[in-house]
Amino acid sequence: MGSQKREAIDLIERLPDEVNTADIIEELYFKWQVDEGLRDVVEGRTLSHGELKERLAQWRISAGR
């Protein structure tokens, strides 16, 4: 069985028995987002604090805020 499939099954098995399908999907989506973020870090797709502040400042100006 593939590693990602096993991780998904393990995650689902750790959830309470009363969990519904929407909660399962939410947990899997959260895990996917975290995995994507960690992959971004490993591959150098990050911003420094200063770069983020500059982007937010530019966004606020363009949004008229």
Protein backbone atom coordinates (compact mmCIF):
# COMPACT_ATOMS: atom_id res chain seq x y z
CA MET A 1 0.00 0.00 0.00
CA GLY A 2 1.30 3.46 -0.88
CA SER A 3 2.70 5.68 1.83
CA GLN A 4 0.17 8.48 1.32
CA LYS A 5 -2.74 6.06 1.38
CA ARG A 6 -1.44 4.51 4.61
CA GLU A 7 -1.04 7.97 6.19
CA ALA A 8 -4.64 8.86 5.24
CA ILE A 9 -5.96 5.61 6.70
CA ASP A 10 -3.96 6.13 9.90
CA LEU A 11 -5.29 9.68 10.22
CA ILE A 12 -8.88 8.50 9.77
CA GLU A 13 -8.43 5.68 12.27
CA ARG A 14 -7.23 8.18 14.92
CA LEU A 15 -10.44 10.21 14.60
CA PRO A 16 -13.33 9.54 17.00
CA ASP A 17 -15.93 6.97 15.95
CA GLU A 18 -18.61 9.70 15.82
CA VAL A 19 -16.81 11.64 13.08
CA ASN A 20 -18.76 12.45 9.92
CA THR A 21 -17.58 12.51 6.32
CA ALA A 22 -17.19 16.31 6.26
CA ASP A 23 -14.89 16.14 9.31
CA ILE A 24 -12.80 13.43 7.64
CA ILE A 25 -12.44 15.51 4.49
CA GLU A 26 -11.52 18.58 6.56
CA GLU A 27 -8.79 16.66 8.38
CA LEU A 28 -7.39 15.22 5.15
CA TYR A 29 -7.43 18.66 3.52
CA PHE A 30 -5.63 20.18 6.51
CA LYS A 31 -2.98 17.45 6.33
CA TRP A 32 -2.56 18.09 2.60
CA GLN A 33 -2.09 21.83 3.24
CA VAL A 34 0.54 21.18 5.92
CA ASP A 35 2.36 18.71 3.64
CA GLU A 36 2.33 21.27 0.80
CA GLY A 37 3.70 23.95 3.13
CA LEU A 38 6.50 21.69 4.31
CA ARG A 39 7.34 20.82 0.70
CA ASP A 40 7.47 24.55 -0.11
CA VAL A 41 9.96 25.08 2.71
CA VAL A 42 12.18 22.22 1.54
CA GLU A 43 12.11 23.56 -2.03
CA GLY A 44 12.86 27.12 -0.96
CA ARG A 45 9.48 28.63 -1.82
CA THR A 46 9.27 30.89 1.21
CA LEU A 47 9.19 34.60 2.00
CA SER A 48 11.11 36.42 4.67
CA HIS A 49 9.18 38.44 7.23
CA GLY A 50 10.23 41.64 5.47
CA GLU A 51 9.13 40.37 2.05
CA LEU A 52 5.75 39.40 3.44
CA LYS A 53 5.30 42.80 5.08
CA GLU A 54 6.12 44.50 1.79
CA ARG A 55 3.66 42.33 -0.15
CA LEU A 56 0.93 43.03 2.39
CA ALA A 57 1.63 46.75 2.23
CA GLN A 58 1.39 46.68 -1.57
CA TRP A 59 -1.81 44.64 -1.41
CA ARG A 60 -3.36 47.11 1.03
CA ILE A 61 -2.50 50.02 -1.29
CA SER A 62 -3.96 48.24 -4.32
CA ALA A 63 -7.10 47.38 -2.34
CA GLY A 64 -7.53 51.00 -1.25
CA ARG A 65 -6.91 50.36 2.43
